[in-house]
Amino acid sequence: MKTSDFLFDLPEELIAQYPPDKREKSRLMVLTRGDNRIEHKTFVDIVDYFRAGDLLVLNNTKVCPARVMGKTEDGKTIGLLIAETNETGTYRILSKGKYTGRVFISEDFYADVSDGNEARFHYEGTLEEQLQKYGHMPLPPYIKRPACTLDTERYQTVYAEKPGSIAAPTAGLHFTHQILEALRDKGVMLETITLHVGEGTFRPVHADYVSDHKMDSERFEIDTSLLEKIKETKINGNKAVSVGTTTTRAIEAISSGRYKLIKSTASDNGCQRITASTDIFIYPGYKFKAAAALITNFHLPRSTPVLMACAFAGKDLLLRAYESAVSARYRFFSYGDVMLIV
């Protein structure tokens, strides 16, 4: 299977540079796999596609304002994106070039950078406090503008709880508290996992063949009680609906055994809270074991999220839906519109 099979023409002007005025006003495309039907709705209509007893699974990760701008020792401006903590107490970073030296972010906040990919930060208080003062939301590279005040709220789900991501789980950006409450009132169960989105979300697929691509490993947390609820939901004839490719990776990894256990601790409900990592790569041919429906944004051509969406919907239906989305002028990528696959 060639990665070039998952290319499609996308006019640049359809790449959303800003969120819609209101989260729930995003357009919603509904794909029904049983009869290959494509419907055009608005996201607020999503409540109509749930029944009492269905299960909605969300990723409650919170995006950190992890991008900082500073000055090098010779006065040049440089941007640093903090990707993750190293075991040595340093941080893995993303930056342009291979700069080595000190970067001054403020008078009392600076970093010693090595080869453009590692940094040790110096500050008073905590790093989180410094990032709240000086950090910016790490918008993806296809958003061709600096982060602004609007992004602090809108590049974050309304249910974000656990800080750690450098990218938003964007399928969840469309939900409002009112929509979540309407789902609860309808008898839908809401559960969460935590998967902190890492730098791999920005990494394109370069391999010619799908099977040659290697996914970055990502850490996630999940309660074993969720696995039992997914099983019970299926037994009762209802569906587990996964919000986003990050949530799907986590529940499919744990359901298929494609994970590496880091630790297991007792949770408040008497079950186990599992912390694990996974490099599961989901593409056409994969048999889903947990998710029965998927909510997902419109993704980059030849990307791992679009491969997962093709695995779920079927390649022909998914790519036909993308052609329809382009014709109907849907908005693409992080701040774009959304799709429900049932």
Protein backbone atom coordinates (compact mmCIF):
# COMPACT_ATOMS: atom_id res chain seq x y z
CA MET A 1 0.00 0.00 0.00
CA LYS A 2 1.59 3.28 -1.14
CA THR A 3 1.34 6.46 0.89
CA SER A 4 0.74 8.33 -2.38
CA ASP A 5 -2.66 6.58 -2.52
CA PHE A 6 -3.75 8.91 0.28
CA LEU A 7 -3.01 12.18 -1.47
CA PHE A 8 -5.77 14.57 -2.52
CA ASP A 9 -5.95 18.07 -3.93
CA LEU A 10 -6.56 20.69 -1.26
CA PRO A 11 -6.72 24.41 -2.09
CA GLU A 12 -4.58 26.34 0.38
CA GLU A 13 -7.39 28.77 1.12
CA LEU A 14 -9.40 25.94 2.75
CA ILE A 15 -6.80 25.54 5.52
CA ALA A 16 -8.46 27.29 8.46
CA GLN A 17 -6.31 30.04 9.95
CA TYR A 18 -8.77 30.97 12.71
CA PRO A 19 -11.49 29.09 14.58
CA PRO A 20 -15.15 29.73 13.74
CA ASP A 21 -16.93 32.44 15.74
CA LYS A 22 -18.54 29.76 17.91
CA ARG A 23 -17.32 26.21 18.51
CA GLU A 24 -20.68 24.59 17.77
CA LYS A 25 -21.04 26.43 14.45
CA SER A 26 -18.43 24.24 12.74
CA ARG A 27 -19.80 22.27 9.82
CA LEU A 28 -20.35 18.56 10.41
CA MET A 29 -20.08 15.91 7.71
CA VAL A 30 -21.66 12.59 8.65
CA LEU A 31 -20.47 9.40 6.92
CA THR A 32 -22.63 6.31 7.26
CA ARG A 33 -20.56 3.27 6.37
CA GLY A 34 -23.51 0.93 5.93
CA ASP A 35 -24.87 2.68 2.86
CA ASN A 36 -21.94 5.00 1.99
CA ARG A 37 -24.14 8.01 2.72
CA ILE A 38 -22.70 11.52 3.14
CA GLU A 39 -24.73 14.15 5.03
CA HIS A 40 -23.95 17.83 5.63
CA LYS A 41 -24.90 19.21 9.03
CA THR A 42 -23.74 21.64 11.73
CA PHE A 43 -21.86 20.36 14.78
CA VAL A 44 -24.69 21.20 17.16
CA ASP A 45 -26.69 18.48 15.30
CA ILE A 46 -24.32 15.80 16.58
CA VAL A 47 -26.57 15.14 19.58
CA ASP A 48 -29.14 13.66 17.18
CA TYR A 49 -26.74 10.83 16.28
CA PHE A 50 -26.52 9.48 19.83
CA ARG A 51 -28.86 7.17 21.72
CA ALA A 52 -29.26 6.61 25.46
CA GLY A 53 -26.63 4.09 26.51
CA ASP A 54 -23.99 5.21 24.01
CA LEU A 55 -20.52 6.03 25.31
CA LEU A 56 -18.50 9.13 24.35
CA VAL A 57 -14.74 8.93 25.01
CA LEU A 58 -12.75 12.18 25.15
CA ASN A 59 -9.07 13.07 25.55
CA ASN A 60 -8.75 15.48 28.50
CA THR A 61 -5.17 16.55 27.80
CA LYS A 62 -4.46 20.27 28.11
CA VAL A 63 -2.24 22.20 25.71
CA CYS A 64 0.65 24.01 27.38
CA PRO A 65 1.77 27.44 26.12
CA ALA A 66 5.03 25.67 25.33
CA ARG A 67 6.41 27.96 22.61
CA VAL A 68 8.72 30.70 23.84
CA MET A 69 10.63 33.39 21.96
CA GLY A 70 14.05 34.59 23.07
CA LYS A 71 17.29 36.24 22.04
CA THR A 72 20.54 34.42 21.45
CA GLU A 73 23.81 35.73 22.84
CA ASP A 74 24.47 37.58 19.57
CA GLY A 75 21.02 39.18 19.59
CA LYS A 76 19.17 36.98 17.10
CA THR A 77 15.55 36.01 17.76
CA ILE A 78 14.89 32.30 18.16
CA GLY A 79 11.78 30.28 18.96
CA LEU A 80 11.82 27.20 21.19
CA LEU A 81 9.02 24.64 21.43
CA ILE A 82 9.27 22.49 24.55
CA ALA A 83 8.41 18.96 23.48
CA GLU A 84 8.98 16.75 26.53
CA THR A 85 11.07 16.18 29.64
CA ASN A 86 14.26 14.16 29.42
CA GLU A 87 15.34 11.85 32.22
CA THR A 88 18.34 14.12 32.84
CA GLY A 89 16.13 17.05 33.87
CA THR A 90 16.61 18.80 30.54
CA TYR A 91 13.90 19.23 27.92
CA ARG A 92 13.71 18.05 24.35
CA ILE A 93 12.88 21.05 22.19
CA LEU A 94 12.06 21.90 18.59
CA SER A 95 13.75 24.91 17.02
CA LYS A 96 15.04 26.00 13.65
CA GLY A 97 18.70 25.29 13.08
CA LYS A 98 21.19 23.71 15.46
CA TYR A 99 21.94 26.59 17.79
CA THR A 100 24.08 25.94 20.86
CA GLY A 101 24.28 28.62 23.53
CA ARG A 102 22.18 30.68 25.89
CA VAL A 103 18.71 31.99 24.94
CA PHE A 104 17.28 34.85 27.01
CA ILE A 105 13.47 34.77 27.27
CA SER A 106 13.24 37.39 30.04
CA GLU A 107 15.54 38.85 32.69
CA ASP A 108 14.92 35.92 35.04
CA PHE A 109 14.05 33.17 32.53
CA TYR A 110 16.65 31.77 30.14
CA ALA A 111 17.73 28.48 28.57
CA ASP A 112 21.02 26.81 27.77
CA VAL A 113 20.41 25.17 24.39
CA SER A 114 22.40 22.33 22.88
CA ASP A 115 22.37 21.59 19.15
CA GLY A 116 18.89 23.09 18.76
CA ASN A 117 17.17 20.05 20.25
CA GLU A 118 17.83 20.08 24.00
CA ALA A 119 17.58 22.79 26.64
CA ARG A 120 18.05 23.31 30.33
CA PHE A 121 15.84 26.13 31.63
CA HIS A 122 16.74 28.51 34.45
CA TYR A 123 14.03 30.43 36.29
CA GLU A 124 12.52 31.32 39.65
CA GLY A 125 9.39 29.52 40.76
CA THR A 126 8.15 26.81 38.41
CA LEU A 127 8.45 26.32 34.66
CA GLU A 128 4.66 26.25 34.40
CA GLU A 129 4.48 29.72 35.97
CA GLN A 130 7.09 31.02 33.52
CA LEU A 131 5.25 29.54 30.53
CA GLN A 132 2.00 31.13 31.67
CA LYS A 133 3.79 34.50 31.66
CA TYR A 134 5.96 34.19 28.55
CA GLY A 135 4.73 31.18 26.58
CA HIS A 136 2.52 31.06 23.50
CA MET A 137 0.16 28.36 22.28
CA PRO A 138 2.06 26.07 19.89
CA LEU A 139 -0.05 26.42 16.77
CA PRO A 140 0.74 23.92 14.01
CA PRO A 141 2.96 25.06 11.13
CA TYR A 142 0.12 25.25 8.59
CA ILE A 143 -1.44 28.11 10.57
CA LYS A 144 0.52 30.95 9.03
CA ARG A 145 0.27 33.53 11.79
CA PRO A 146 1.58 34.10 15.31
CA ALA A 147 -0.50 32.80 18.22
CA CYS A 148 -2.77 35.45 19.73
CA THR A 149 -5.03 35.86 22.77
CA LEU A 150 -7.88 34.11 20.97
CA ASP A 151 -5.84 30.90 20.72
CA THR A 152 -5.40 30.71 24.50
CA GLU A 153 -9.09 29.81 24.74
CA ARG A 154 -9.92 28.29 21.38
CA TYR A 155 -6.87 26.02 20.87
CA GLN A 156 -8.06 24.15 23.94
CA THR A 157 -11.05 21.87 24.54
CA VAL A 158 -13.62 23.00 27.11
CA TYR A 159 -12.92 19.80 29.07
CA ALA A 160 -9.10 20.10 29.04
CA GLU A 161 -7.81 19.10 32.45
CA LYS A 162 -4.30 17.62 32.48
CA PRO A 163 -1.44 19.80 31.11
CA GLY A 164 1.12 18.16 28.86
CA SER A 165 0.26 18.48 25.15
CA ILE A 166 2.05 20.57 22.55
CA ALA A 167 -0.93 20.21 20.19
CA ALA A 168 -4.67 20.16 20.76
CA PRO A 169 -6.78 17.03 20.29
CA THR A 170 -8.62 19.02 17.65
CA ALA A 171 -11.71 16.85 17.15
CA GLY A 172 -12.74 17.94 20.64
CA LEU A 173 -12.50 21.67 19.92
CA HIS A 174 -16.09 21.71 18.60
CA PHE A 175 -17.73 20.61 21.86
CA THR A 176 -19.30 23.14 24.21
CA HIS A 177 -20.45 22.63 27.78
CA GLN A 178 -24.03 22.88 26.50
CA ILE A 179 -23.56 20.09 23.94
CA LEU A 180 -21.91 17.84 26.53
CA GLU A 181 -24.80 18.50 28.93
CA ALA A 182 -27.34 17.74 26.18
CA LEU A 183 -25.61 14.38 25.62
CA ARG A 184 -25.72 13.59 29.35
CA ASP A 185 -29.42 14.52 29.45
CA LYS A 186 -29.99 12.09 26.59
CA GLY A 187 -28.44 9.27 28.60
CA VAL A 188 -25.02 9.22 26.93
CA MET A 189 -22.09 8.24 29.18
CA LEU A 190 -19.02 10.50 29.04
CA GLU A 191 -15.58 9.15 29.90
CA THR A 192 -12.03 10.44 29.44
CA ILE A 193 -8.54 9.18 28.72
CA THR A 194 -5.34 11.25 28.74
CA LEU A 195 -2.89 11.21 25.85
CA HIS A 196 -0.46 14.12 25.62
CA VAL A 197 0.04 14.95 21.95
CA GLY A 198 3.75 15.14 21.11
CA GLU A 199 5.92 16.38 18.28
CA GLY A 200 4.99 13.41 16.09
CA THR A 201 1.72 15.16 15.29
CA PHE A 202 3.74 17.63 13.16
CA ARG A 203 5.83 14.98 11.44
CA PRO A 204 4.85 14.17 7.82
CA VAL A 205 4.92 10.69 6.35
CA HIS A 206 7.95 10.41 4.05
CA ALA A 207 7.95 6.66 3.43
CA ASP A 208 6.79 5.49 0.00
CA TYR A 209 4.98 2.52 1.51
CA VAL A 210 2.58 2.77 4.45
CA SER A 211 4.09 -0.21 6.26
CA ASP A 212 7.52 1.48 6.30
CA HIS A 213 6.36 4.46 8.37
CA LYS A 214 7.26 4.34 12.07
CA MET A 215 4.99 6.08 14.56
CA ASP A 216 6.42 8.02 17.48
CA SER A 217 5.63 6.48 20.83
CA GLU A 218 3.17 8.48 22.92
CA ARG A 219 2.27 8.11 26.58
CA PHE A 220 -1.32 7.75 27.72
CA GLU A 221 -3.37 7.12 30.85
CA ILE A 222 -6.54 5.10 30.96
CA ASP A 223 -8.74 3.62 33.69
CA THR A 224 -9.49 -0.09 33.38
CA SER A 225 -13.12 0.67 34.23
CA LEU A 226 -13.39 2.34 30.80
CA LEU A 227 -12.53 -0.95 29.09
CA GLU A 228 -15.37 -2.64 30.94
CA LYS A 229 -17.77 0.16 29.97
CA ILE A 230 -16.79 -0.21 26.30
CA LYS A 231 -17.50 -3.96 26.47
CA GLU A 232 -20.83 -3.42 28.23
CA THR A 233 -21.82 -0.74 25.73
CA LYS A 234 -21.28 -3.17 22.84
CA ILE A 235 -23.11 -6.00 24.59
CA ASN A 236 -26.10 -3.69 25.12
CA GLY A 237 -26.23 -2.87 21.39
CA ASN A 238 -24.90 0.67 21.80
CA LYS A 239 -21.79 2.29 20.39
CA ALA A 240 -18.57 3.64 21.86
CA VAL A 241 -17.80 6.93 20.09
CA SER A 242 -14.16 8.00 20.06
CA VAL A 243 -13.39 11.73 19.83
CA GLY A 244 -10.25 12.17 17.75
CA THR A 245 -7.34 10.08 16.58
CA THR A 246 -5.53 10.50 19.90
CA THR A 247 -8.38 8.99 21.89
CA THR A 248 -8.69 6.24 19.31
CA ARG A 249 -4.99 5.38 19.53
CA ALA A 250 -5.24 5.02 23.30
CA ILE A 251 -8.35 2.83 23.46
CA GLU A 252 -7.27 0.70 20.51
CA ALA A 253 -3.76 0.27 21.93
CA ILE A 254 -5.06 -0.95 25.26
CA SER A 255 -7.76 -3.12 23.66
CA SER A 256 -5.35 -4.80 21.24
CA GLY A 257 -2.43 -5.17 23.65
CA ARG A 258 -0.25 -2.82 21.55
CA TYR A 259 1.24 -0.90 24.44
CA LYS A 260 4.13 -0.92 26.90
CA LEU A 261 3.10 -0.70 30.54
CA ILE A 262 4.84 2.04 32.54
CA LYS A 263 2.91 1.78 35.79
CA SER A 264 -0.44 0.77 37.24
CA THR A 265 -1.98 2.44 40.27
CA ALA A 266 -5.26 2.11 42.15
CA SER A 267 -7.86 4.65 41.03
CA ASP A 268 -10.64 6.21 43.10
CA ASN A 269 -13.26 3.72 41.86
CA GLY A 270 -11.29 0.66 42.92
CA CYS A 271 -10.03 -0.13 39.43
CA GLN A 272 -6.55 0.39 38.04
CA ARG A 273 -5.21 3.53 36.37
CA ILE A 274 -2.81 2.38 33.67
CA THR A 275 0.02 4.59 32.42
CA ALA A 276 1.53 3.18 29.24
CA SER A 277 3.09 4.13 25.91
CA THR A 278 2.14 3.04 22.42
CA ASP A 279 3.50 3.33 18.90
CA ILE A 280 0.44 1.70 17.34
CA PHE A 281 -0.01 2.71 13.71
CA ILE A 282 -3.58 2.37 12.46
CA TYR A 283 -4.10 2.24 8.70
CA PRO A 284 -6.42 0.42 6.27
CA GLY A 285 -6.64 -3.25 7.11
CA TYR A 286 -6.73 -2.66 10.86
CA LYS A 287 -9.75 -4.16 12.67
CA PHE A 288 -11.06 -1.80 15.33
CA LYS A 289 -11.65 -3.42 18.69
CA ALA A 290 -13.02 -0.56 20.80
CA ALA A 291 -14.29 2.37 18.73
CA ALA A 292 -17.64 1.89 16.96
CA ALA A 293 -17.89 5.50 15.72
CA LEU A 294 -15.32 8.23 15.22
CA ILE A 295 -15.41 12.01 15.44
CA THR A 296 -12.44 13.53 13.63
CA ASN A 297 -11.34 16.68 11.83
CA PHE A 298 -10.32 16.92 8.17
CA HIS A 299 -6.64 16.01 7.99
CA LEU A 300 -3.50 16.57 5.95
CA PRO A 301 -3.05 14.49 2.80
CA ARG A 302 -0.76 11.48 3.26
CA SER A 303 -0.81 11.84 7.06
CA THR A 304 -1.22 9.27 9.81
CA PRO A 305 -4.60 10.73 10.94
CA VAL A 306 -6.02 10.47 7.41
CA LEU A 307 -4.76 6.88 7.22
CA MET A 308 -6.60 6.11 10.46
CA ALA A 309 -9.77 7.74 9.15
CA CYS A 310 -9.47 5.64 5.98
CA ALA A 311 -9.07 2.53 8.10
CA PHE A 312 -12.29 3.39 9.92
CA ALA A 313 -14.48 4.56 7.05
CA GLY A 314 -12.92 2.67 4.16
CA LYS A 315 -10.46 4.38 1.85
CA ASP A 316 -12.86 4.92 -1.07
CA LEU A 317 -15.63 6.43 1.06
CA LEU A 318 -13.25 8.62 3.04
CA LEU A 319 -11.49 10.06 0.00
CA ARG A 320 -14.84 10.59 -1.75
CA ALA A 321 -15.99 12.47 1.35
CA TYR A 322 -12.87 14.63 1.21
CA GLU A 323 -13.58 15.45 -2.43
CA SER A 324 -17.08 16.45 -1.37
CA ALA A 325 -15.66 18.57 1.46
CA VAL A 326 -13.37 20.43 -0.93
CA SER A 327 -16.25 21.04 -3.37
CA ALA A 328 -18.48 22.28 -0.53
CA ARG A 329 -15.68 24.52 0.81
CA TYR A 330 -15.31 22.85 4.19
CA ARG A 331 -12.52 24.22 6.41
CA PHE A 332 -9.58 21.85 6.94
CA PHE A 333 -7.14 20.91 9.72
CA SER A 334 -6.94 22.03 13.37
CA TYR A 335 -9.35 24.97 13.29
CA GLY A 336 -11.45 23.46 10.53
CA ASP A 337 -14.69 21.51 10.34
CA VAL A 338 -15.41 18.03 11.58
CA MET A 339 -16.59 14.59 10.50
CA LEU A 340 -18.63 11.89 12.25
CA ILE A 341 -18.13 8.35 10.92
CA VAL A 342 -20.82 5.87 12.04
